[in-house]
Amino acid sequence: MAETKAKATVKAETAESVVAKEEVKKDTVKKAAPAKKAPAKKSPVKKAEAKAVVHLQFDGKSYTNEDLIKIAKDVWKYDLGNKPADFKSVELYVKPEESRAYYVVNGEITGSFGI
């Protein structure tokens, strides 16, 4: 009988140690699992802008916005004697009744040219 109690005690201790080992394994698995990473930031998708071309037609003449900008750049370079690299921005005001385009270059230089 003492032998049966000893075997039962050993079996009980073995069962307890197996349960304890299982709990340790579960804790280890939980700790070992990699932390979830924050989702990668997506760069904003640039939408393609619609290309717009303006045609100004009057008195049998026709100009596009690119034509007028090119003329303004030529005036800047050849008539005013400035460097093309210094031409940063231009605002154009077209008055077909006067056959003139008025410009403001870089927000400060003003003038006009005939079209």
N, C-alpha and C. Protein backbone atom coordinates (compact mmCIF):
# COMPACT_ATOMS: atom_id res chain seq x y z
N MET A 1 0.79 -1.16 0.00
CA MET A 1 0.00 0.00 0.00
C MET A 1 0.85 1.25 0.00
N ALA A 2 1.90 1.25 0.72
CA ALA A 2 2.80 2.38 0.75
C ALA A 2 3.37 2.60 -0.64
N GLU A 3 3.55 1.51 -1.34
CA GLU A 3 4.09 1.61 -2.70
C GLU A 3 3.08 2.26 -3.61
N THR A 4 1.80 1.96 -3.47
CA THR A 4 0.75 2.54 -4.30
C THR A 4 0.63 4.03 -4.00
N LYS A 5 0.72 4.41 -2.72
CA LYS A 5 0.66 5.83 -2.36
C LYS A 5 1.85 6.56 -2.94
N ALA A 6 3.01 5.95 -2.91
CA ALA A 6 4.22 6.58 -3.45
C ALA A 6 4.08 6.77 -4.94
N LYS A 7 3.55 5.76 -5.65
CA LYS A 7 3.36 5.88 -7.10
C LYS A 7 2.32 6.96 -7.40
N ALA A 8 1.27 7.03 -6.60
CA ALA A 8 0.23 8.03 -6.81
C ALA A 8 0.80 9.42 -6.56
N THR A 9 1.63 9.55 -5.53
CA THR A 9 2.25 10.84 -5.23
C THR A 9 3.17 11.25 -6.35
N VAL A 10 3.97 10.30 -6.87
CA VAL A 10 4.88 10.59 -7.98
C VAL A 10 4.08 10.99 -9.21
N LYS A 11 3.00 10.25 -9.49
CA LYS A 11 2.15 10.57 -10.64
C LYS A 11 1.53 11.96 -10.45
N ALA A 12 1.09 12.28 -9.22
CA ALA A 12 0.49 13.59 -8.96
C ALA A 12 1.52 14.69 -9.14
N GLU A 13 2.74 14.45 -8.62
CA GLU A 13 3.80 15.45 -8.79
C GLU A 13 4.16 15.60 -10.26
N THR A 14 4.21 14.49 -11.00
CA THR A 14 4.53 14.53 -12.42
C THR A 14 3.44 15.28 -13.16
N ALA A 15 2.19 15.05 -12.83
CA ALA A 15 1.08 15.73 -13.48
C ALA A 15 1.15 17.23 -13.19
N GLU A 16 1.47 17.59 -11.92
CA GLU A 16 1.59 19.01 -11.57
C GLU A 16 2.75 19.67 -12.32
N SER A 17 3.85 18.95 -12.44
CA SER A 17 5.00 19.54 -13.13
C SER A 17 4.71 19.68 -14.63
N VAL A 18 3.94 18.74 -15.19
CA VAL A 18 3.57 18.85 -16.61
C VAL A 18 2.68 20.08 -16.81
N VAL A 19 1.73 20.27 -15.90
CA VAL A 19 0.84 21.43 -15.99
C VAL A 19 1.66 22.71 -15.85
N ALA A 20 2.58 22.73 -14.90
CA ALA A 20 3.42 23.90 -14.69
C ALA A 20 4.27 24.17 -15.93
N LYS A 21 4.81 23.12 -16.53
CA LYS A 21 5.62 23.28 -17.74
C LYS A 21 4.77 23.82 -18.89
N GLU A 22 3.53 23.34 -18.99
CA GLU A 22 2.64 23.81 -20.05
C GLU A 22 2.35 25.30 -19.87
N GLU A 23 2.15 25.73 -18.61
CA GLU A 23 1.90 27.14 -18.35
C GLU A 23 3.11 27.98 -18.71
N VAL A 24 4.29 27.47 -18.40
CA VAL A 24 5.52 28.18 -18.75
C VAL A 24 5.63 28.28 -20.26
N LYS A 25 5.32 27.22 -20.97
CA LYS A 25 5.39 27.23 -22.43
C LYS A 25 4.41 28.26 -23.00
N LYS A 26 3.21 28.32 -22.43
CA LYS A 26 2.21 29.28 -22.92
C LYS A 26 2.71 30.71 -22.70
N ASP A 27 3.28 30.98 -21.52
CA ASP A 27 3.82 32.31 -21.25
C ASP A 27 4.95 32.64 -22.20
N THR A 28 5.80 31.67 -22.45
CA THR A 28 6.93 31.87 -23.35
C THR A 28 6.44 32.15 -24.76
N VAL A 29 5.45 31.42 -25.20
CA VAL A 29 4.90 31.62 -26.54
C VAL A 29 4.30 33.01 -26.64
N LYS A 30 3.59 33.43 -25.60
CA LYS A 30 2.98 34.76 -25.62
C LYS A 30 4.05 35.84 -25.66
N LYS A 31 5.11 35.64 -24.90
CA LYS A 31 6.18 36.64 -24.87
C LYS A 31 6.99 36.63 -26.15
N ALA A 32 7.15 35.46 -26.74
CA ALA A 32 7.99 35.33 -27.92
C ALA A 32 7.30 35.82 -29.18
N ALA A 33 5.99 35.94 -29.15
CA ALA A 33 5.27 36.38 -30.34
C ALA A 33 5.69 37.81 -30.66
N PRO A 34 6.02 38.07 -31.91
CA PRO A 34 6.47 39.42 -32.26
C PRO A 34 5.33 40.43 -32.10
N ALA A 35 5.71 41.59 -31.66
CA ALA A 35 4.72 42.64 -31.49
C ALA A 35 4.20 43.08 -32.85
N LYS A 36 2.94 43.42 -32.89
CA LYS A 36 2.37 43.86 -34.15
C LYS A 36 2.96 45.22 -34.51
N LYS A 37 3.38 45.35 -35.74
CA LYS A 37 3.95 46.61 -36.20
C LYS A 37 2.83 47.52 -36.65
N ALA A 38 3.07 48.79 -36.47
CA ALA A 38 2.10 49.78 -36.95
C ALA A 38 2.10 49.71 -38.47
N PRO A 39 0.97 49.87 -39.08
CA PRO A 39 0.92 49.81 -40.54
C PRO A 39 1.82 50.88 -41.14
N ALA A 40 2.50 50.50 -42.20
CA ALA A 40 3.39 51.44 -42.87
C ALA A 40 2.60 52.62 -43.40
N LYS A 41 3.18 53.80 -43.25
CA LYS A 41 2.49 54.99 -43.75
C LYS A 41 2.54 54.99 -45.26
N LYS A 42 1.40 55.18 -45.84
CA LYS A 42 1.34 55.23 -47.29
C LYS A 42 1.58 56.66 -47.73
N SER A 43 2.41 56.79 -48.75
CA SER A 43 2.64 58.13 -49.27
C SER A 43 1.39 58.57 -50.02
N PRO A 44 1.05 59.83 -49.89
CA PRO A 44 -0.16 60.28 -50.57
C PRO A 44 -0.02 60.13 -52.07
N VAL A 45 -1.05 59.63 -52.67
CA VAL A 45 -1.04 59.41 -54.11
C VAL A 45 -1.36 60.74 -54.78
N LYS A 46 -0.47 61.14 -55.65
CA LYS A 46 -0.70 62.38 -56.39
C LYS A 46 -1.64 62.09 -57.53
N LYS A 47 -2.67 62.87 -57.58
CA LYS A 47 -3.60 62.71 -58.69
C LYS A 47 -3.06 63.48 -59.88
N ALA A 48 -3.19 62.88 -61.01
CA ALA A 48 -2.74 63.55 -62.22
C ALA A 48 -3.65 64.73 -62.51
N GLU A 49 -3.02 65.86 -62.74
CA GLU A 49 -3.80 67.05 -63.05
C GLU A 49 -4.18 67.03 -64.52
N ALA A 50 -5.36 67.51 -64.78
CA ALA A 50 -5.81 67.59 -66.16
C ALA A 50 -5.04 68.70 -66.85
N LYS A 51 -4.60 68.42 -68.05
CA LYS A 51 -3.85 69.42 -68.80
C LYS A 51 -4.86 70.37 -69.46
N ALA A 52 -4.62 71.65 -69.25
CA ALA A 52 -5.51 72.66 -69.82
C ALA A 52 -4.71 73.57 -70.75
N VAL A 53 -5.22 73.79 -71.92
CA VAL A 53 -4.59 74.71 -72.87
C VAL A 53 -5.63 75.76 -73.23
N VAL A 54 -5.26 77.02 -73.04
CA VAL A 54 -6.15 78.11 -73.37
C VAL A 54 -5.71 78.69 -74.71
N HIS A 55 -6.65 78.84 -75.61
CA HIS A 55 -6.38 79.46 -76.91
C HIS A 55 -7.08 80.81 -76.93
N LEU A 56 -6.31 81.85 -77.07
CA LEU A 56 -6.86 83.19 -77.17
C LEU A 56 -6.86 83.57 -78.64
N GLN A 57 -8.03 83.76 -79.20
CA GLN A 57 -8.14 84.09 -80.62
C GLN A 57 -8.85 85.43 -80.77
N PHE A 58 -8.23 86.30 -81.56
CA PHE A 58 -8.82 87.60 -81.85
C PHE A 58 -8.15 88.18 -83.08
N ASP A 59 -8.88 88.92 -83.85
CA ASP A 59 -8.37 89.66 -85.01
C ASP A 59 -7.51 88.78 -85.92
N GLY A 60 -7.91 87.52 -86.09
CA GLY A 60 -7.18 86.61 -86.97
C GLY A 60 -5.90 86.06 -86.35
N LYS A 61 -5.66 86.30 -85.06
CA LYS A 61 -4.46 85.81 -84.36
C LYS A 61 -4.90 84.74 -83.35
N SER A 62 -3.94 83.89 -82.99
CA SER A 62 -4.22 82.85 -82.01
C SER A 62 -2.98 82.64 -81.14
N TYR A 63 -3.16 82.66 -79.82
CA TYR A 63 -2.07 82.45 -78.87
C TYR A 63 -2.53 81.43 -77.82
N THR A 64 -1.60 80.58 -77.41
CA THR A 64 -1.85 79.68 -76.29
C THR A 64 -1.18 80.27 -75.06
N ASN A 65 -1.48 79.72 -73.91
CA ASN A 65 -0.83 80.21 -72.69
C ASN A 65 0.69 80.00 -72.76
N GLU A 66 1.14 78.89 -73.38
CA GLU A 66 2.58 78.65 -73.52
C GLU A 66 3.23 79.70 -74.42
N ASP A 67 2.51 80.10 -75.49
CA ASP A 67 3.04 81.14 -76.39
C ASP A 67 3.25 82.45 -75.64
N LEU A 68 2.29 82.85 -74.85
CA LEU A 68 2.39 84.11 -74.12
C LEU A 68 3.48 84.06 -73.06
N ILE A 69 3.63 82.93 -72.40
CA ILE A 69 4.69 82.78 -71.40
C ILE A 69 6.06 82.83 -72.07
N LYS A 70 6.20 82.22 -73.23
CA LYS A 70 7.47 82.25 -73.97
C LYS A 70 7.81 83.68 -74.37
N ILE A 71 6.83 84.44 -74.83
CA ILE A 71 7.07 85.84 -75.19
C ILE A 71 7.50 86.63 -73.95
N ALA A 72 6.84 86.39 -72.82
CA ALA A 72 7.20 87.09 -71.57
C ALA A 72 8.64 86.74 -71.16
N LYS A 73 9.05 85.49 -71.31
CA LYS A 73 10.42 85.08 -71.00
C LYS A 73 11.41 85.76 -71.94
N ASP A 74 11.05 85.87 -73.22
CA ASP A 74 11.93 86.54 -74.19
C ASP A 74 12.08 88.02 -73.85
N VAL A 75 10.99 88.67 -73.46
CA VAL A 75 11.06 90.07 -73.05
C VAL A 75 11.97 90.20 -71.83
N TRP A 76 11.83 89.29 -70.89
CA TRP A 76 12.66 89.29 -69.67
C TRP A 76 14.14 89.16 -70.02
N LYS A 77 14.44 88.26 -70.93
CA LYS A 77 15.83 87.99 -71.27
C LYS A 77 16.41 89.04 -72.22
N TYR A 78 15.76 89.29 -73.34
CA TYR A 78 16.35 90.12 -74.38
C TYR A 78 16.07 91.62 -74.18
N ASP A 79 14.85 91.98 -73.88
CA ASP A 79 14.52 93.40 -73.75
C ASP A 79 14.98 93.98 -72.41
N LEU A 80 14.82 93.21 -71.34
CA LEU A 80 15.19 93.71 -70.02
C LEU A 80 16.61 93.31 -69.61
N GLY A 81 17.23 92.39 -70.35
CA GLY A 81 18.62 91.99 -70.08
C GLY A 81 18.82 91.19 -68.81
N ASN A 82 17.82 90.45 -68.38
CA ASN A 82 17.94 89.65 -67.16
C ASN A 82 18.29 88.20 -67.50
N LYS A 83 18.76 87.49 -66.50
CA LYS A 83 19.12 86.08 -66.67
C LYS A 83 17.84 85.23 -66.69
N PRO A 84 17.78 84.23 -67.58
CA PRO A 84 16.60 83.34 -67.61
C PRO A 84 16.36 82.62 -66.28
N ALA A 85 17.46 82.33 -65.55
CA ALA A 85 17.31 81.62 -64.27
C ALA A 85 16.61 82.48 -63.22
N ASP A 86 16.61 83.80 -63.39
CA ASP A 86 15.96 84.70 -62.44
C ASP A 86 14.46 84.82 -62.69
N PHE A 87 13.98 84.26 -63.77
CA PHE A 87 12.55 84.29 -64.11
C PHE A 87 11.87 83.17 -63.33
N LYS A 88 11.20 83.52 -62.23
CA LYS A 88 10.59 82.52 -61.34
C LYS A 88 9.10 82.36 -61.57
N SER A 89 8.38 83.48 -61.73
CA SER A 89 6.93 83.40 -61.92
C SER A 89 6.48 84.57 -62.78
N VAL A 90 5.32 84.40 -63.39
CA VAL A 90 4.76 85.47 -64.21
C VAL A 90 3.24 85.44 -64.12
N GLU A 91 2.66 86.62 -64.07
CA GLU A 91 1.22 86.78 -64.16
C GLU A 91 0.96 87.56 -65.43
N LEU A 92 0.07 87.08 -66.26
CA LEU A 92 -0.24 87.73 -67.54
C LEU A 92 -1.68 88.22 -67.55
N TYR A 93 -1.85 89.43 -68.05
CA TYR A 93 -3.17 90.02 -68.22
C TYR A 93 -3.27 90.42 -69.69
N VAL A 94 -4.13 89.74 -70.43
CA VAL A 94 -4.23 89.94 -71.87
C VAL A 94 -5.42 90.85 -72.17
N LYS A 95 -5.15 91.89 -72.97
CA LYS A 95 -6.22 92.81 -73.39
C LYS A 95 -6.25 92.79 -74.92
N PRO A 96 -7.07 91.91 -75.48
CA PRO A 96 -7.11 91.79 -76.94
C PRO A 96 -7.52 93.09 -77.64
N GLU A 97 -8.37 93.91 -77.00
CA GLU A 97 -8.80 95.14 -77.65
C GLU A 97 -7.65 96.13 -77.82
N GLU A 98 -6.59 95.98 -77.02
CA GLU A 98 -5.40 96.82 -77.14
C GLU A 98 -4.26 96.09 -77.85
N SER A 99 -4.45 94.81 -78.16
CA SER A 99 -3.39 93.95 -78.72
C SER A 99 -2.15 93.96 -77.83
N ARG A 100 -2.35 93.89 -76.51
CA ARG A 100 -1.25 93.92 -75.55
C ARG A 100 -1.47 92.87 -74.46
N ALA A 101 -0.34 92.43 -73.92
CA ALA A 101 -0.35 91.55 -72.75
C ALA A 101 0.48 92.25 -71.68
N TYR A 102 -0.10 92.38 -70.52
CA TYR A 102 0.59 93.01 -69.40
C TYR A 102 1.10 91.90 -68.48
N TYR A 103 2.31 92.10 -67.95
CA TYR A 103 2.92 91.06 -67.13
C TYR A 103 3.40 91.61 -65.80
N VAL A 104 3.50 90.69 -64.83
CA VAL A 104 4.13 90.94 -63.54
C VAL A 104 5.06 89.75 -63.32
N VAL A 105 6.36 90.00 -63.39
CA VAL A 105 7.35 88.93 -63.24
C VAL A 105 7.88 88.93 -61.81
N ASN A 106 7.92 87.76 -61.21
CA ASN A 106 8.41 87.56 -59.84
C ASN A 106 7.69 88.44 -58.82
N GLY A 107 6.46 88.82 -59.14
CA GLY A 107 5.66 89.60 -58.21
C GLY A 107 6.04 91.06 -58.10
N GLU A 108 7.01 91.54 -58.90
CA GLU A 108 7.43 92.93 -58.73
C GLU A 108 7.74 93.68 -60.03
N ILE A 109 8.23 93.06 -61.05
CA ILE A 109 8.60 93.73 -62.31
C ILE A 109 7.37 93.73 -63.23
N THR A 110 6.96 94.91 -63.65
CA THR A 110 5.77 95.01 -64.51
C THR A 110 6.13 95.60 -65.86
N GLY A 111 5.26 95.33 -66.82
CA GLY A 111 5.45 95.86 -68.16
C GLY A 111 4.40 95.29 -69.09
N SER A 112 4.62 95.48 -70.37
CA SER A 112 3.68 94.94 -71.34
C SER A 112 4.41 94.67 -72.65
N PHE A 113 3.78 93.88 -73.50
CA PHE A 113 4.30 93.61 -74.84
C PHE A 113 3.13 93.47 -75.80
N GLY A 114 3.41 93.76 -77.05
CA GLY A 114 2.37 93.68 -78.06
C GLY A 114 2.17 92.26 -78.55
N ILE A 115 0.91 91.96 -78.86
CA ILE A 115 0.61 90.64 -79.40
C ILE A 115 -0.16 90.78 -80.69
